[in-house]
Amino acid sequence: MSTQRPLRVSQSIKRELSDIIKRDLEDSRIAGIVSITDVECAPDCRSARIFISVFGGSEEQENTLQALTDHTGFIRGEICRRLQLRFAPELHFKLDDSLERGARVSELINKISRGDV
């Protein structure tokens, strides 16, 4: 098995999942701006951890995560069909708060540079 395959599959899943969320999922719980920050595929491509970032409050984040988890079967089928994979990977959604932490650090740096701290 090629060592590049999991990386290629991860990138393809990220691209297709963005399209699926934007166009095919109609769930009122998916609120705000949803970004897929990273996809980590297992070496055998049978499972993938999907890191998402949701711009909004903690309730919106939890609701969006729950909605994606509830639609996992549909998403797996779409990804398998679109990427023509033999096996649909098991998907595990995780919240990624690195963008929020980066924004807080940036805000603190700006306060320090202005002398507010």
Protein backbone atom coordinates (compact mmCIF):
# COMPACT_ATOMS: atom_id res chain seq x y z
CA MET A 1 0.00 0.00 0.00
CA SER A 2 1.32 3.42 -0.88
CA THR A 3 2.14 5.77 1.99
CA GLN A 4 0.65 8.67 0.00
CA ARG A 5 -2.81 7.11 -0.28
CA PRO A 6 -4.07 8.10 3.20
CA LEU A 7 -2.95 11.69 2.55
CA ARG A 8 -4.71 11.80 -0.84
CA VAL A 9 -7.88 10.26 0.62
CA SER A 10 -7.81 12.74 3.54
CA GLN A 11 -7.55 15.70 1.17
CA SER A 12 -10.35 14.32 -1.00
CA ILE A 13 -12.59 13.71 2.02
CA LYS A 14 -11.98 17.28 3.19
CA ARG A 15 -12.93 18.70 -0.21
CA GLU A 16 -16.02 16.53 -0.66
CA LEU A 17 -17.21 16.96 2.93
CA SER A 18 -17.12 20.74 2.53
CA ASP A 19 -19.30 20.40 -0.54
CA ILE A 20 -21.70 17.98 1.18
CA ILE A 21 -22.15 20.29 4.18
CA LYS A 22 -22.64 23.33 1.98
CA ARG A 23 -25.01 21.82 -0.59
CA ASP A 24 -26.59 18.58 0.57
CA LEU A 25 -27.18 18.78 4.32
CA GLU A 26 -30.31 20.65 5.26
CA ASP A 27 -30.30 20.69 9.03
CA SER A 28 -31.25 23.73 11.08
CA ARG A 29 -28.76 22.69 13.78
CA ILE A 30 -25.86 23.42 11.43
CA ALA A 31 -25.44 27.11 12.17
CA GLY A 32 -22.74 29.65 11.57
CA ILE A 33 -19.66 29.10 9.50
CA VAL A 34 -18.41 25.51 9.51
CA SER A 35 -14.81 24.85 8.48
CA ILE A 36 -13.15 21.49 8.11
CA THR A 37 -9.72 22.24 9.55
CA ASP A 38 -8.16 18.80 9.15
CA VAL A 39 -8.88 15.20 8.20
CA GLU A 40 -6.68 12.40 9.52
CA CYS A 41 -7.13 9.13 7.70
CA ALA A 42 -5.98 5.80 9.13
CA PRO A 43 -3.25 4.02 7.12
CA ASP A 44 -5.82 1.55 5.77
CA CYS A 45 -8.30 4.39 5.00
CA ARG A 46 -11.06 2.62 6.91
CA SER A 47 -11.52 5.40 9.45
CA ALA A 48 -11.03 9.14 9.52
CA ARG A 49 -11.02 11.78 12.22
CA ILE A 50 -12.53 15.01 10.98
CA PHE A 51 -11.71 18.20 12.84
CA ILE A 52 -14.26 20.97 12.42
CA SER A 53 -14.36 24.54 13.56
CA VAL A 54 -17.68 26.33 14.01
CA PHE A 55 -17.76 30.11 14.24
CA GLY A 56 -20.29 30.79 16.96
CA GLY A 57 -21.10 30.08 20.58
CA SER A 58 -20.58 26.81 22.37
CA GLU A 59 -24.24 25.85 21.89
CA GLU A 60 -23.98 26.32 18.12
CA GLN A 61 -20.77 24.29 18.10
CA GLU A 62 -22.34 21.40 20.01
CA ASN A 63 -25.51 21.48 17.86
CA THR A 64 -23.45 21.44 14.66
CA LEU A 65 -21.30 18.58 15.93
CA GLN A 66 -24.42 16.61 16.90
CA ALA A 67 -26.05 17.26 13.51
CA LEU A 68 -22.96 16.04 11.65
CA THR A 69 -22.78 12.97 13.89
CA ASP A 70 -26.47 12.25 13.23
CA HIS A 71 -25.90 12.47 9.46
CA THR A 72 -22.76 10.30 9.49
CA GLY A 73 -24.42 7.47 7.55
CA PHE A 74 -25.50 9.77 4.72
CA ILE A 75 -22.10 11.51 4.67
CA ARG A 76 -20.23 8.18 4.57
CA GLY A 77 -22.33 7.00 1.65
CA GLU A 78 -21.81 10.23 -0.28
CA ILE A 79 -18.06 10.20 0.29
CA CYS A 80 -17.81 6.56 -0.75
CA ARG A 81 -19.84 7.23 -3.90
CA ARG A 82 -18.04 10.44 -4.87
CA LEU A 83 -14.52 9.10 -4.24
CA GLN A 84 -15.34 5.63 -5.56
CA LEU A 85 -13.87 3.94 -2.49
CA ARG A 86 -14.29 0.23 -1.91
CA PHE A 87 -15.00 0.79 1.79
CA ALA A 88 -16.73 3.80 3.29
CA PRO A 89 -14.46 5.09 6.05
CA GLU A 90 -15.81 5.30 9.59
CA LEU A 91 -16.08 9.02 10.36
CA HIS A 92 -15.37 10.57 13.76
CA PHE A 93 -16.14 14.28 14.11
CA LYS A 94 -14.17 16.38 16.61
CA LEU A 95 -14.39 20.08 17.46
CA ASP A 96 -11.22 22.03 16.72
CA ASP A 97 -10.90 25.19 18.77
CA SER A 98 -7.45 26.19 17.49
CA LEU A 99 -8.88 29.06 15.41
CA GLU A 100 -10.57 30.52 18.49
CA ARG A 101 -7.41 30.16 20.56
CA GLY A 102 -5.44 31.89 17.79
CA ALA A 103 -7.93 34.78 17.73
CA ARG A 104 -7.63 35.19 21.52
CA VAL A 105 -3.82 35.20 21.35
CA SER A 106 -3.93 37.74 18.54
CA GLU A 107 -6.28 39.94 20.57
CA LEU A 108 -3.95 39.76 23.59
CA ILE A 109 -0.96 40.71 21.43
CA ASN A 110 -2.88 43.69 20.09
CA LYS A 111 -3.77 44.80 23.65
CA ILE A 112 -0.15 44.53 24.72
CA SER A 113 1.08 46.51 21.73
CA ARG A 114 -1.46 49.27 22.48
CA GLY A 115 -0.42 49.28 26.14
CA ASP A 116 -3.87 48.25 27.43
CA VAL A 117 -2.43 45.46 29.58
